[in-house]
């Protein structure tokens, strides 16, 4: 069974772009439109996921940074990659070692973050 990568972004086209890159990298992409949806998917089958890619700016009460920290504490074997069209978060906002990829990103940026995460 291929390991899955969960893509969390409120923009459907961004999720689609990342899903294509993930698929080409040999992973099974899953998509969530918000952090609540992502947590529900992780709780249902945490062992399925190798990584989560999340936008830092998300609608609702939980940001991508909060999601990354939640994953780090609850499921420490699942790595998180954070993406954003804004500035890189200040130190201490994200779990130590969390890769950050700026939007607009290239296929190479996402592939590199996944390969270092899945290793």
PDB file of N, CA and C in Angstrom:
ATOM      1  N   UNK A   1       0.837  -1.194   0.000  1.00  0.00           N
ATOM      2  CA  UNK A   1       0.000   0.000   0.000  1.00  0.00           C
ATOM      3  C   UNK A   1       0.875   1.248   0.000  1.00  0.00           C
ATOM      4  N   UNK A   2       0.565   2.184  -0.878  1.00  0.00           N
ATOM      5  CA  UNK A   2       1.314   3.434  -0.943  1.00  0.00           C
ATOM      6  C   UNK A   2       0.974   4.290   0.258  1.00  0.00           C
ATOM      7  N   UNK A   3       1.971   4.976   0.780  1.00  0.00           N
ATOM      8  CA  UNK A   3       1.735   5.903   1.881  1.00  0.00           C
ATOM      9  C   UNK A   3       0.996   7.126   1.351  1.00  0.00           C
ATOM     10  N   UNK A   4       0.192   7.706   2.205  1.00  0.00           N
ATOM     11  CA  UNK A   4      -0.632   8.845   1.816  1.00  0.00           C
ATOM     12  C   UNK A   4      -0.035  10.153   2.311  1.00  0.00           C
ATOM     13  N   UNK A   5      -0.349  11.209   1.587  1.00  0.00           N
ATOM     14  CA  UNK A   5      -0.019  12.567   1.993  1.00  0.00           C
ATOM     15  C   UNK A   5      -1.326  13.347   2.000  1.00  0.00           C
ATOM     16  N   UNK A   6      -1.611  13.987   3.115  1.00  0.00           N
ATOM     17  CA  UNK A   6      -2.827  14.781   3.257  1.00  0.00           C
ATOM     18  C   UNK A   6      -2.516  16.235   2.912  1.00  0.00           C
ATOM     19  N   UNK A   7      -3.290  16.790   1.998  1.00  0.00           N
ATOM     20  CA  UNK A   7      -3.119  18.167   1.546  1.00  0.00           C
ATOM     21  C   UNK A   7      -4.252  18.989   2.142  1.00  0.00           C
ATOM     22  N   UNK A   8      -3.895  20.016   2.931  1.00  0.00           N
ATOM     23  CA  UNK A   8      -4.883  20.836   3.620  1.00  0.00           C
ATOM     24  C   UNK A   8      -4.751  22.270   3.123  1.00  0.00           C
ATOM     25  N   UNK A   9      -5.728  22.691   2.319  1.00  0.00           N
ATOM     26  CA  UNK A   9      -5.730  24.051   1.778  1.00  0.00           C
ATOM     27  C   UNK A   9      -7.162  24.403   1.413  1.00  0.00           C
ATOM     28  N   UNK A  10      -7.546  25.647   1.661  1.00  0.00           N
ATOM     29  CA  UNK A  10      -8.911  26.053   1.353  1.00  0.00           C
ATOM     30  C   UNK A  10      -9.093  26.402  -0.122  1.00  0.00           C
ATOM     31  N   UNK A  11      -8.023  26.397  -0.897  1.00  0.00           N
ATOM     32  CA  UNK A  11      -8.108  26.683  -2.326  1.00  0.00           C
ATOM     33  C   UNK A  11      -8.055  25.368  -3.112  1.00  0.00           C
ATOM     34  N   UNK A  12      -9.181  24.984  -3.752  1.00  0.00           N
ATOM     35  CA  UNK A  12      -9.240  23.706  -4.463  1.00  0.00           C
ATOM     36  C   UNK A  12      -8.176  23.542  -5.551  1.00  0.00           C
ATOM     37  N   UNK A  13      -7.844  24.612  -6.267  1.00  0.00           N
ATOM     38  CA  UNK A  13      -6.850  24.494  -7.334  1.00  0.00           C
ATOM     39  C   UNK A  13      -5.453  24.242  -6.775  1.00  0.00           C
ATOM     40  N   UNK A  14      -5.150  24.809  -5.627  1.00  0.00           N
ATOM     41  CA  UNK A  14      -3.863  24.548  -4.977  1.00  0.00           C
ATOM     42  C   UNK A  14      -3.798  23.081  -4.568  1.00  0.00           C
ATOM     43  N   UNK A  15      -4.885  22.578  -3.971  1.00  0.00           N
ATOM     44  CA  UNK A  15      -4.918  21.164  -3.589  1.00  0.00           C
ATOM     45  C   UNK A  15      -4.715  20.266  -4.803  1.00  0.00           C
ATOM     46  N   UNK A  16      -5.367  20.597  -5.909  1.00  0.00           N
ATOM     47  CA  UNK A  16      -5.235  19.807  -7.139  1.00  0.00           C
ATOM     48  C   UNK A  16      -3.796  19.796  -7.641  1.00  0.00           C
ATOM     49  N   UNK A  17      -3.150  20.959  -7.666  1.00  0.00           N
ATOM     50  CA  UNK A  17      -1.762  21.055  -8.118  1.00  0.00           C
ATOM     51  C   UNK A  17      -0.842  20.211  -7.249  1.00  0.00           C
ATOM     52  N   UNK A  18      -1.005  20.322  -5.939  1.00  0.00           N
ATOM     53  CA  UNK A  18      -0.154  19.557  -5.030  1.00  0.00           C
ATOM     54  C   UNK A  18      -0.446  18.065  -5.154  1.00  0.00           C
ATOM     55  N   UNK A  19      -1.709  17.703  -5.308  1.00  0.00           N
ATOM     56  CA  UNK A  19      -2.079  16.285  -5.446  1.00  0.00           C
ATOM     57  C   UNK A  19      -1.385  15.651  -6.646  1.00  0.00           C
ATOM     58  N   UNK A  20      -1.296  16.373  -7.735  1.00  0.00           N
ATOM     59  CA  UNK A  20      -0.625  15.855  -8.926  1.00  0.00           C
ATOM     60  C   UNK A  20       0.863  15.603  -8.644  1.00  0.00           C
ATOM     61  N   UNK A  21       1.501  16.535  -7.956  1.00  0.00           N
ATOM     62  CA  UNK A  21       2.916  16.383  -7.607  1.00  0.00           C
ATOM     63  C   UNK A  21       3.106  15.187  -6.680  1.00  0.00           C
ATOM     64  N   UNK A  22       2.210  15.048  -5.708  1.00  0.00           N
ATOM     65  CA  UNK A  22       2.274  13.951  -4.741  1.00  0.00           C
ATOM     66  C   UNK A  22       2.137  12.604  -5.460  1.00  0.00           C
ATOM     67  N   UNK A  23       1.175  12.528  -6.351  1.00  0.00           N
ATOM     68  CA  UNK A  23       0.931  11.292  -7.110  1.00  0.00           C
ATOM     69  C   UNK A  23       2.177  10.914  -7.925  1.00  0.00           C
ATOM     70  N   UNK A  24       2.776  11.914  -8.585  1.00  0.00           N
ATOM     71  CA  UNK A  24       3.981  11.664  -9.380  1.00  0.00           C
ATOM     72  C   UNK A  24       5.142  11.195  -8.503  1.00  0.00           C
ATOM     73  N   UNK A  25       5.135  11.580  -7.240  1.00  0.00           N
ATOM     74  CA  UNK A  25       6.176  11.175  -6.311  1.00  0.00           C
ATOM     75  C   UNK A  25       5.952   9.807  -5.692  1.00  0.00           C
ATOM     76  N   UNK A  26       4.872   9.139  -6.077  1.00  0.00           N
ATOM     77  CA  UNK A  26       4.618   7.794  -5.592  1.00  0.00           C
ATOM     78  C   UNK A  26       3.775   7.714  -4.330  1.00  0.00           C
ATOM     79  N   UNK A  27       3.160   8.819  -3.941  1.00  0.00           N
ATOM     80  CA  UNK A  27       2.298   8.843  -2.761  1.00  0.00           C
ATOM     81  C   UNK A  27       0.842   8.956  -3.188  1.00  0.00           C
ATOM     82  N   UNK A  28      -0.033   8.572  -2.298  1.00  0.00           N
ATOM     83  CA  UNK A  28      -1.477   8.692  -2.529  1.00  0.00           C
ATOM     84  C   UNK A  28      -1.946   9.998  -1.897  1.00  0.00           C
ATOM     85  N   UNK A  29      -2.425  10.956  -2.708  1.00  0.00           N
ATOM     86  CA  UNK A  29      -2.879  12.225  -2.129  1.00  0.00           C
ATOM     87  C   UNK A  29      -4.309  12.147  -1.595  1.00  0.00           C
ATOM     88  N   UNK A  30      -4.519  12.777  -0.456  1.00  0.00           N
ATOM     89  CA  UNK A  30      -5.852  12.977   0.114  1.00  0.00           C
ATOM     90  C   UNK A  30      -5.990  14.464   0.351  1.00  0.00           C
ATOM     91  N   UNK A  31      -7.216  14.970   0.266  1.00  0.00           N
ATOM     92  CA  UNK A  31      -7.429  16.412   0.371  1.00  0.00           C
ATOM     93  C   UNK A  31      -8.412  16.758   1.480  1.00  0.00           C
ATOM     94  N   UNK A  32      -8.125  17.876   2.149  1.00  0.00           N
ATOM     95  CA  UNK A  32      -9.028  18.449   3.153  1.00  0.00           C
ATOM     96  C   UNK A  32      -9.094  19.948   2.905  1.00  0.00           C
ATOM     97  N   UNK A  33     -10.307  20.509   2.970  1.00  0.00           N
ATOM     98  CA  UNK A  33     -10.511  21.926   2.707  1.00  0.00           C
ATOM     99  C   UNK A  33     -10.286  22.802   3.940  1.00  0.00           C
ATOM    100  N   UNK A  34     -10.180  22.167   5.118  1.00  0.00           N
ATOM    101  CA  UNK A  34      -9.947  22.940   6.343  1.00  0.00           C
ATOM    102  C   UNK A  34      -9.285  22.032   7.384  1.00  0.00           C
ATOM    103  N   UNK A  35      -8.851  22.628   8.471  1.00  0.00           N
ATOM    104  CA  UNK A  35      -8.108  21.862   9.478  1.00  0.00           C
ATOM    105  C   UNK A  35      -8.988  20.880  10.245  1.00  0.00           C
ATOM    106  N   UNK A  36     -10.258  21.208  10.441  1.00  0.00           N
ATOM    107  CA  UNK A  36     -11.165  20.276  11.130  1.00  0.00           C
ATOM    108  C   UNK A  36     -11.322  18.996  10.318  1.00  0.00           C
ATOM    109  N   UNK A  37     -11.486  19.149   9.018  1.00  0.00           N
ATOM    110  CA  UNK A  37     -11.592  18.001   8.113  1.00  0.00           C
ATOM    111  C   UNK A  37     -10.300  17.173   8.168  1.00  0.00           C
ATOM    112  N   UNK A  38      -9.169  17.858   8.204  1.00  0.00           N
ATOM    113  CA  UNK A  38      -7.871  17.179   8.253  1.00  0.00           C
ATOM    114  C   UNK A  38      -7.716  16.353   9.528  1.00  0.00           C
ATOM    115  N   UNK A  39      -8.058  16.935  10.658  1.00  0.00           N
ATOM    116  CA  UNK A  39      -7.945  16.217  11.932  1.00  0.00           C
ATOM    117  C   UNK A  39      -8.845  14.986  11.931  1.00  0.00           C
ATOM    118  N   UNK A  40     -10.048  15.108  11.400  1.00  0.00           N
ATOM    119  CA  UNK A  40     -10.966  13.967  11.333  1.00  0.00           C
ATOM    120  C   UNK A  40     -10.366  12.845  10.486  1.00  0.00           C
ATOM    121  N   UNK A  41      -9.738  13.184   9.373  1.00  0.00           N
ATOM    122  CA  UNK A  41      -9.122  12.182   8.513  1.00  0.00           C
ATOM    123  C   UNK A  41      -7.931  11.528   9.213  1.00  0.00           C
ATOM    124  N   UNK A  42      -7.140  12.324   9.911  1.00  0.00           N
ATOM    125  CA  UNK A  42      -5.992  11.778  10.637  1.00  0.00           C
ATOM    126  C   UNK A  42      -6.434  10.868  11.774  1.00  0.00           C
ATOM    127  N   UNK A  43      -7.469  11.258  12.492  1.00  0.00           N
ATOM    128  CA  UNK A  43      -7.961  10.431  13.594  1.00  0.00           C
ATOM    129  C   UNK A  43      -8.503   9.096  13.089  1.00  0.00           C
ATOM    130  N   UNK A  44      -9.075   9.087  11.900  1.00  0.00           N
ATOM    131  CA  UNK A  44      -9.662   7.871  11.340  1.00  0.00           C
ATOM    132  C   UNK A  44      -8.601   6.845  10.936  1.00  0.00           C
ATOM    133  N   UNK A  45      -7.448   7.316  10.458  1.00  0.00           N
ATOM    134  CA  UNK A  45      -6.418   6.373   9.990  1.00  0.00           C
ATOM    135  C   UNK A  45      -5.030   7.002  10.035  1.00  0.00           C
ATOM    136  N   UNK A  46      -4.522   7.333  11.213  1.00  0.00           N
ATOM    137  CA  UNK A  46      -3.223   8.020  11.292  1.00  0.00           C
ATOM    138  C   UNK A  46      -2.067   7.217  10.698  1.00  0.00           C
ATOM    139  N   UNK A  47      -2.149   5.897  10.770  1.00  0.00           N
ATOM    140  CA  UNK A  47      -1.067   5.061  10.259  1.00  0.00           C
ATOM    141  C   UNK A  47      -0.931   5.127   8.739  1.00  0.00           C
ATOM    142  N   UNK A  48      -1.946   5.632   8.059  1.00  0.00           N
ATOM    143  CA  UNK A  48      -1.925   5.726   6.601  1.00  0.00           C
ATOM    144  C   UNK A  48      -1.085   6.884   6.081  1.00  0.00           C
ATOM    145  N   UNK A  49      -0.874   7.885   6.906  1.00  0.00           N
ATOM    146  CA  UNK A  49      -0.266   9.125   6.421  1.00  0.00           C
ATOM    147  C   UNK A  49       1.216   9.243   6.740  1.00  0.00           C
ATOM    148  N   UNK A  50       1.994   9.525   5.704  1.00  0.00           N
ATOM    149  CA  UNK A  50       3.420   9.797   5.861  1.00  0.00           C
ATOM    150  C   UNK A  50       3.640  11.271   6.179  1.00  0.00           C
ATOM    151  N   UNK A  51       2.781  12.115   5.606  1.00  0.00           N
ATOM    152  CA  UNK A  51       2.982  13.561   5.759  1.00  0.00           C
ATOM    153  C   UNK A  51       1.675  14.312   5.567  1.00  0.00           C
ATOM    154  N   UNK A  52       1.699  15.562   6.036  1.00  0.00           N
ATOM    155  CA  UNK A  52       0.600  16.502   5.828  1.00  0.00           C
ATOM    156  C   UNK A  52       1.214  17.785   5.278  1.00  0.00           C
ATOM    157  N   UNK A  53       0.626  18.282   4.207  1.00  0.00           N
ATOM    158  CA  UNK A  53       1.016  19.586   3.660  1.00  0.00           C
ATOM    159  C   UNK A  53      -0.138  20.517   3.966  1.00  0.00           C
ATOM    160  N   UNK A  54       0.132  21.594   4.713  1.00  0.00           N
ATOM    161  CA  UNK A  54      -0.940  22.507   5.085  1.00  0.00           C
ATOM    162  C   UNK A  54      -0.576  23.959   4.800  1.00  0.00           C
ATOM    163  N   UNK A  55      -1.562  24.687   4.321  1.00  0.00           N
ATOM    164  CA  UNK A  55      -1.425  26.136   4.197  1.00  0.00           C
ATOM    165  C   UNK A  55      -1.449  26.700   5.614  1.00  0.00           C
ATOM    166  N   UNK A  56      -0.702  27.741   5.854  1.00  0.00           N
ATOM    167  CA  UNK A  56      -0.672  28.321   7.199  1.00  0.00           C
ATOM    168  C   UNK A  56      -1.923  29.156   7.467  1.00  0.00           C
ATOM    169  N   UNK A  57      -2.438  29.820   6.427  1.00  0.00           N
ATOM    170  CA  UNK A  57      -3.635  30.655   6.572  1.00  0.00           C
ATOM    171  C   UNK A  57      -4.860  29.834   6.208  1.00  0.00           C
ATOM    172  N   UNK A  58      -5.618  29.437   7.217  1.00  0.00           N
ATOM    173  CA  UNK A  58      -6.793  28.610   6.984  1.00  0.00           C
ATOM    174  C   UNK A  58      -8.013  29.242   7.641  1.00  0.00           C
ATOM    175  N   UNK A  59      -9.192  29.074   7.028  1.00  0.00           N
ATOM    176  CA  UNK A  59     -10.409  29.592   7.651  1.00  0.00           C
ATOM    177  C   UNK A  59     -10.766  28.761   8.884  1.00  0.00           C
ATOM    178  N   UNK A  60     -11.541  29.327   9.758  1.00  0.00           N
ATOM    179  CA  UNK A  60     -11.960  28.605  10.954  1.00  0.00           C
ATOM    180  C   UNK A  60     -11.097  28.964  12.146  1.00  0.00           C
ATOM    181  N   UNK A  61     -11.251  28.191  13.181  1.00  0.00           N
ATOM    182  CA  UNK A  61     -10.592  28.520  14.447  1.00  0.00           C
ATOM    183  C   UNK A  61      -9.170  27.977  14.565  1.00  0.00           C
ATOM    184  N   UNK A  62      -8.741  27.142  13.639  1.00  0.00           N
ATOM    185  CA  UNK A  62      -7.409  26.530  13.730  1.00  0.00           C
ATOM    186  C   UNK A  62      -6.599  26.850  12.475  1.00  0.00           C
ATOM    187  N   UNK A  63      -5.458  27.495  12.657  1.00  0.00           N
ATOM    188  CA  UNK A  63      -4.583  27.815  11.533  1.00  0.00           C
ATOM    189  C   UNK A  63      -3.751  26.593  11.158  1.00  0.00           C
ATOM    190  N   UNK A  64      -3.056  26.695  10.053  1.00  0.00           N
ATOM    191  CA  UNK A  64      -2.156  25.629   9.656  1.00  0.00           C
ATOM    192  C   UNK A  64      -1.013  25.447  10.644  1.00  0.00           C
ATOM    193  N   UNK A  65      -0.570  26.537  11.275  1.00  0.00           N
ATOM    194  CA  UNK A  65       0.488  26.446  12.288  1.00  0.00           C
ATOM    195  C   UNK A  65      -0.011  25.669  13.507  1.00  0.00           C
ATOM    196  N   UNK A  66      -1.238  25.935  13.922  1.00  0.00           N
ATOM    197  CA  UNK A  66      -1.817  25.198  15.051  1.00  0.00           C
ATOM    198  C   UNK A  66      -1.969  23.725  14.674  1.00  0.00           C
ATOM    199  N   UNK A  67      -2.403  23.462  13.448  1.00  0.00           N
ATOM    200  CA  UNK A  67      -2.527  22.079  12.973  1.00  0.00           C
ATOM    201  C   UNK A  67      -1.167  21.382  12.993  1.00  0.00           C
ATOM    202  N   UNK A  68      -0.133  22.055  12.507  1.00  0.00           N
ATOM    203  CA  UNK A  68       1.211  21.466  12.482  1.00  0.00           C
ATOM    204  C   UNK A  68       1.672  21.095  13.894  1.00  0.00           C
ATOM    205  N   UNK A  69       1.430  21.963  14.853  1.00  0.00           N
ATOM    206  CA  UNK A  69       1.812  21.686  16.238  1.00  0.00           C
ATOM    207  C   UNK A  69       0.980  20.543  16.822  1.00  0.00           C
ATOM    208  N   UNK A  70      -0.303  20.511  16.496  1.00  0.00           N
ATOM    209  CA  UNK A  70      -1.184  19.428  16.961  1.00  0.00           C
ATOM    210  C   UNK A  70      -0.685  18.081  16.438  1.00  0.00           C
ATOM    211  N   UNK A  71      -0.364  18.031  15.153  1.00  0.00           N
ATOM    212  CA  UNK A  71       0.125  16.796  14.544  1.00  0.00           C
ATOM    213  C   UNK A  71       1.440  16.378  15.196  1.00  0.00           C
ATOM    214  N   UNK A  72       2.322  17.336  15.404  1.00  0.00           N
ATOM    215  CA  UNK A  72       3.623  17.053  16.007  1.00  0.00           C
ATOM    216  C   UNK A  72       3.494  16.405  17.384  1.00  0.00           C
ATOM    217  N   UNK A  73       2.511  16.850  18.163  1.00  0.00           N
ATOM    218  CA  UNK A  73       2.316  16.295  19.502  1.00  0.00           C
ATOM    219  C   UNK A  73       1.493  15.003  19.505  1.00  0.00           C
ATOM    220  N   UNK A  74       0.453  14.959  18.698  1.00  0.00           N
ATOM    221  CA  UNK A  74      -0.464  13.810  18.713  1.00  0.00           C
ATOM    222  C   UNK A  74       0.039  12.643  17.879  1.00  0.00           C
ATOM    223  N   UNK A  75       0.623  12.953  16.717  1.00  0.00           N
ATOM    224  CA  UNK A  75       1.110  11.921  15.798  1.00  0.00           C
ATOM    225  C   UNK A  75       2.543  12.268  15.379  1.00  0.00           C
ATOM    226  N   UNK A  76       3.507  12.092  16.254  1.00  0.00           N
ATOM    227  CA  UNK A  76       4.875  12.541  15.964  1.00  0.00           C
ATOM    228  C   UNK A  76       5.542  11.858  14.771  1.00  0.00           C
ATOM    229  N   UNK A  77       5.032  10.728  14.307  1.00  0.00           N
ATOM    230  CA  UNK A  77       5.624  10.072  13.143  1.00  0.00           C
ATOM    231  C   UNK A  77       5.132  10.663  11.825  1.00  0.00           C
ATOM    232  N   UNK A  78       4.091  11.475  11.872  1.00  0.00           N
ATOM    233  CA  UNK A  78       3.579  12.138  10.663  1.00  0.00           C
ATOM    234  C   UNK A  78       4.280  13.487  10.547  1.00  0.00           C
ATOM    235  N   UNK A  79       4.993  13.679   9.455  1.00  0.00           N
ATOM    236  CA  UNK A  79       5.709  14.934   9.247  1.00  0.00           C
ATOM    237  C   UNK A  79       4.777  15.971   8.618  1.00  0.00           C
ATOM    238  N   UNK A  80       5.038  17.227   8.886  1.00  0.00           N
ATOM    239  CA  UNK A  80       4.214  18.311   8.358  1.00  0.00           C
ATOM    240  C   UNK A  80       5.067  19.257   7.533  1.00  0.00           C
ATOM    241  N   UNK A  81       4.522  19.691   6.411  1.00  0.00           N
ATOM    242  CA  UNK A  81       5.127  20.707   5.553  1.00  0.00           C
ATOM    243  C   UNK A  81       4.137  21.861   5.531  1.00  0.00           C
ATOM    244  N   UNK A  82       4.631  23.069   5.747  1.00  0.00           N
ATOM    245  CA  UNK A  82       3.758  24.239   5.769  1.00  0.00           C
ATOM    246  C   UNK A  82       4.027  25.078   4.530  1.00  0.00           C
ATOM    247  N   UNK A  83       2.935  25.514   3.882  1.00  0.00           N
ATOM    248  CA  UNK A  83       3.036  26.384   2.713  1.00  0.00           C
ATOM    249  C   UNK A  83       2.305  27.685   3.009  1.00  0.00           C
ATOM    250  N   UNK A  84       2.748  28.758   2.345  1.00  0.00           N
ATOM    251  CA  UNK A  84       2.078  30.044   2.541  1.00  0.00           C
ATOM    252  C   UNK A  84       2.471  31.014   1.448  1.00  0.00           C
ATOM    253  N   UNK A  85       1.520  31.874   1.106  1.00  0.00           N
ATOM    254  CA  UNK A  85       1.785  32.975   0.187  1.00  0.00           C
ATOM    255  C   UNK A  85       2.320  34.187   0.923  1.00  0.00           C
ATOM    256  N   UNK A  86       2.317  34.133   2.242  1.00  0.00           N
ATOM    257  CA  UNK A  86       2.819  35.235   3.061  1.00  0.00           C
ATOM    258  C   UNK A  86       4.253  34.990   3.484  1.00  0.00           C
ATOM    259  N   UNK A  87       4.653  35.725   4.488  1.00  0.00           N
ATOM    260  CA  UNK A  87       6.012  35.582   4.999  1.00  0.00           C
ATOM    261  C   UNK A  87       6.178  34.279   5.773  1.00  0.00           C
ATOM    262  N   UNK A  88       7.435  33.833   5.852  1.00  0.00           N
ATOM    263  CA  UNK A  88       7.755  32.651   6.641  1.00  0.00           C
ATOM    264  C   UNK A  88       7.460  32.952   8.107  1.00  0.00           C
ATOM    265  N   UNK A  89       6.827  32.020   8.810  1.00  0.00           N
ATOM    266  CA  UNK A  89       6.511  32.246  10.228  1.00  0.00           C
ATOM    267  C   UNK A  89       7.784  32.431  11.062  1.00  0.00           C
ATOM    268  N   UNK A  90       7.668  33.197  12.112  1.00  0.00           N
ATOM    269  CA  UNK A  90       8.783  33.411  13.023  1.00  0.00           C
ATOM    270  C   UNK A  90       9.153  32.116  13.719  1.00  0.00           C
ATOM    271  N   UNK A  91      10.378  32.036  14.192  1.00  0.00           N
ATOM    272  CA  UNK A  91      10.841  30.863  14.920  1.00  0.00           C
ATOM    273  C   UNK A  91       9.949  30.560  16.108  1.00  0.00           C
ATOM    274  N   UNK A  92       9.723  29.297  16.357  1.00  0.00           N
ATOM    275  CA  UNK A  92       8.905  28.877  17.479  1.00  0.00           C
ATOM    276  C   UNK A  92       7.427  28.734  17.165  1.00  0.00           C
ATOM    277  N   UNK A  93       6.984  29.232  16.013  1.00  0.00           N
ATOM    278  CA  UNK A  93       5.567  29.119  15.637  1.00  0.00           C
ATOM    279  C   UNK A  93       5.263  27.718  15.117  1.00  0.00           C
ATOM    280  N   UNK A  94       6.214  27.157  14.383  1.00  0.00           N
ATOM    281  CA  UNK A  94       6.062  25.810  13.823  1.00  0.00           C
ATOM    282  C   UNK A  94       6.919  24.828  14.610  1.00  0.00           C
ATOM    283  N   UNK A  95       6.553  23.552  14.595  1.00  0.00           N
ATOM    284  CA  UNK A  95       7.400  22.553  15.248  1.00  0.00           C
ATOM    285  C   UNK A  95       8.813  22.576  14.645  1.00  0.00           C
ATOM    286  N   UNK A  96       9.796  22.277  15.460  1.00  0.00           N
ATOM    287  CA  UNK A  96      11.192  22.281  15.020  1.00  0.00           C
ATOM    288  C   UNK A  96      11.366  21.370  13.798  1.00  0.00           C
ATOM    289  N   UNK A  97      12.045  21.876  12.781  1.00  0.00           N
ATOM    290  CA  UNK A  97      12.347  21.090  11.591  1.00  0.00           C
ATOM    291  C   UNK A  97      11.246  21.019  10.562  1.00  0.00           C
ATOM    292  N   UNK A  98      10.158  21.748  10.775  1.00  0.00           N
ATOM    293  CA  UNK A  98       9.053  21.724   9.813  1.00  0.00           C
ATOM    294  C   UNK A  98       9.459  22.467   8.542  1.00  0.00           C
ATOM    295  N   UNK A  99       9.456  21.780   7.393  1.00  0.00           N
ATOM    296  CA  UNK A  99       9.784  22.475   6.145  1.00  0.00           C
ATOM    297  C   UNK A  99       8.734  23.536   5.817  1.00  0.00           C
ATOM    298  N   UNK A 100       9.189  24.654   5.258  1.00  0.00           N
ATOM    299  CA  UNK A 100       8.309  25.741   4.840  1.00  0.00           C
ATOM    300  C   UNK A 100       8.529  25.984   3.351  1.00  0.00           C
ATOM    301  N   UNK A 101       7.431  26.042   2.594  1.00  0.00           N
ATOM    302  CA  UNK A 101       7.496  26.290   1.156  1.00  0.00           C
ATOM    303  C   UNK A 101       6.624  27.503   0.849  1.00  0.00           C
ATOM    304  N   UNK A 102       7.220  28.505   0.179  1.00  0.00           N
ATOM    305  CA  UNK A 102       6.491  29.722  -0.178  1.00  0.00           C
ATOM    306  C   UNK A 102       5.661  29.523  -1.436  1.00  0.00           C
ATOM    307  N   UNK A 103       4.476  30.131  -1.450  1.00  0.00           N
ATOM    308  CA  UNK A 103       3.661  30.196  -2.662  1.00  0.00           C
ATOM    309  C   UNK A 103       4.078  31.458  -3.417  1.00  0.00           C
ATOM    310  N   UNK A 104       4.090  31.471  -4.711  1.00  0.00           N
ATOM    311  CA  UNK A 104       3.846  30.309  -5.563  1.00  0.00           C
ATOM    312  C   UNK A 104       5.039  29.358  -5.479  1.00  0.00           C
ATOM    313  N   UNK A 105       4.752  28.082  -5.451  1.00  0.00           N
ATOM    314  CA  UNK A 105       5.784  27.067  -5.334  1.00  0.00           C
ATOM    315  C   UNK A 105       5.964  26.373  -6.675  1.00  0.00           C
ATOM    316  N   UNK A 106       7.094  25.755  -6.830  1.00  0.00           N
ATOM    317  CA  UNK A 106       7.338  24.955  -8.031  1.00  0.00           C
ATOM    318  C   UNK A 106       7.143  23.479  -7.679  1.00  0.00           C
ATOM    319  N   UNK A 107       7.035  22.693  -8.700  1.00  0.00           N
ATOM    320  CA  UNK A 107       6.928  21.248  -8.534  1.00  0.00           C
ATOM    321  C   UNK A 107       8.151  20.749  -7.759  1.00  0.00           C
ATOM    322  N   UNK A 108       9.307  21.310  -8.079  1.00  0.00           N
ATOM    323  CA  UNK A 108      10.557  20.919  -7.428  1.00  0.00           C
ATOM    324  C   UNK A 108      10.522  21.241  -5.933  1.00  0.00           C
ATOM    325  N   UNK A 109       9.955  22.402  -5.554  1.00  0.00           N
ATOM    326  CA  UNK A 109       9.871  22.795  -4.139  1.00  0.00           C
ATOM    327  C   UNK A 109       9.087  21.761  -3.322  1.00  0.00           C
ATOM    328  N   UNK A 110       7.924  21.376  -3.847  1.00  0.00           N
ATOM    329  CA  UNK A 110       7.070  20.411  -3.130  1.00  0.00           C
ATOM    330  C   UNK A 110       7.718  19.033  -3.113  1.00  0.00           C
ATOM    331  N   UNK A 111       8.264  18.613  -4.257  1.00  0.00           N
ATOM    332  CA  UNK A 111       8.913  17.299  -4.320  1.00  0.00           C
ATOM    333  C   UNK A 111      10.084  17.226  -3.344  1.00  0.00           C
ATOM    334  N   UNK A 112      10.871  18.286  -3.244  1.00  0.00           N
ATOM    335  CA  UNK A 112      12.014  18.300  -2.320  1.00  0.00           C
ATOM    336  C   UNK A 112      11.544  18.230  -0.876  1.00  0.00           C
ATOM    337  N   UNK A 113      10.501  18.971  -0.548  1.00  0.00           N
ATOM    338  CA  UNK A 113       9.971  18.953   0.829  1.00  0.00           C
ATOM    339  C   UNK A 113       9.426  17.573   1.174  1.00  0.00           C
ATOM    340  N   UNK A 114       8.738  16.935   0.244  1.00  0.00           N
ATOM    341  CA  UNK A 114       8.196  15.593   0.478  1.00  0.00           C
ATOM    342  C   UNK A 114       9.329  14.590   0.622  1.00  0.00           C
ATOM    343  N   UNK A 115      10.329  14.657  -0.232  1.00  0.00           N
ATOM    344  CA  UNK A 115      11.404  13.670  -0.161  1.00  0.00           C
ATOM    345  C   UNK A 115      12.187  13.793   1.124  1.00  0.00           C
ATOM    346  N   UNK A 116      12.409  15.015   1.617  1.00  0.00           N
ATOM    347  CA  UNK A 116      13.130  15.154   2.890  1.00  0.00           C
ATOM    348  C   UNK A 116      12.231  14.756   4.047  1.00  0.00           C
ATOM    349  N   UNK A 117      10.938  14.900   3.885  1.00  0.00           N
ATOM    350  CA  UNK A 117       9.992  14.548   4.941  1.00  0.00           C
ATOM    351  C   UNK A 117       9.784  13.053   5.015  1.00  0.00           C
ATOM    352  N   UNK A 118       9.688  12.404   3.874  1.00  0.00           N
ATOM    353  CA  UNK A 118       9.360  10.982   3.851  1.00  0.00           C
ATOM    354  C   UNK A 118      10.575  10.085   4.118  1.00  0.00           C
ATOM    355  N   UNK A 119      11.750  10.676   4.156  1.00  0.00           N
ATOM    356  CA  UNK A 119      12.963   9.873   4.362  1.00  0.00           C
ATOM    357  C   UNK A 119      13.041   9.305   5.756  1.00  0.00           C
TER     358      UNK A 119
END
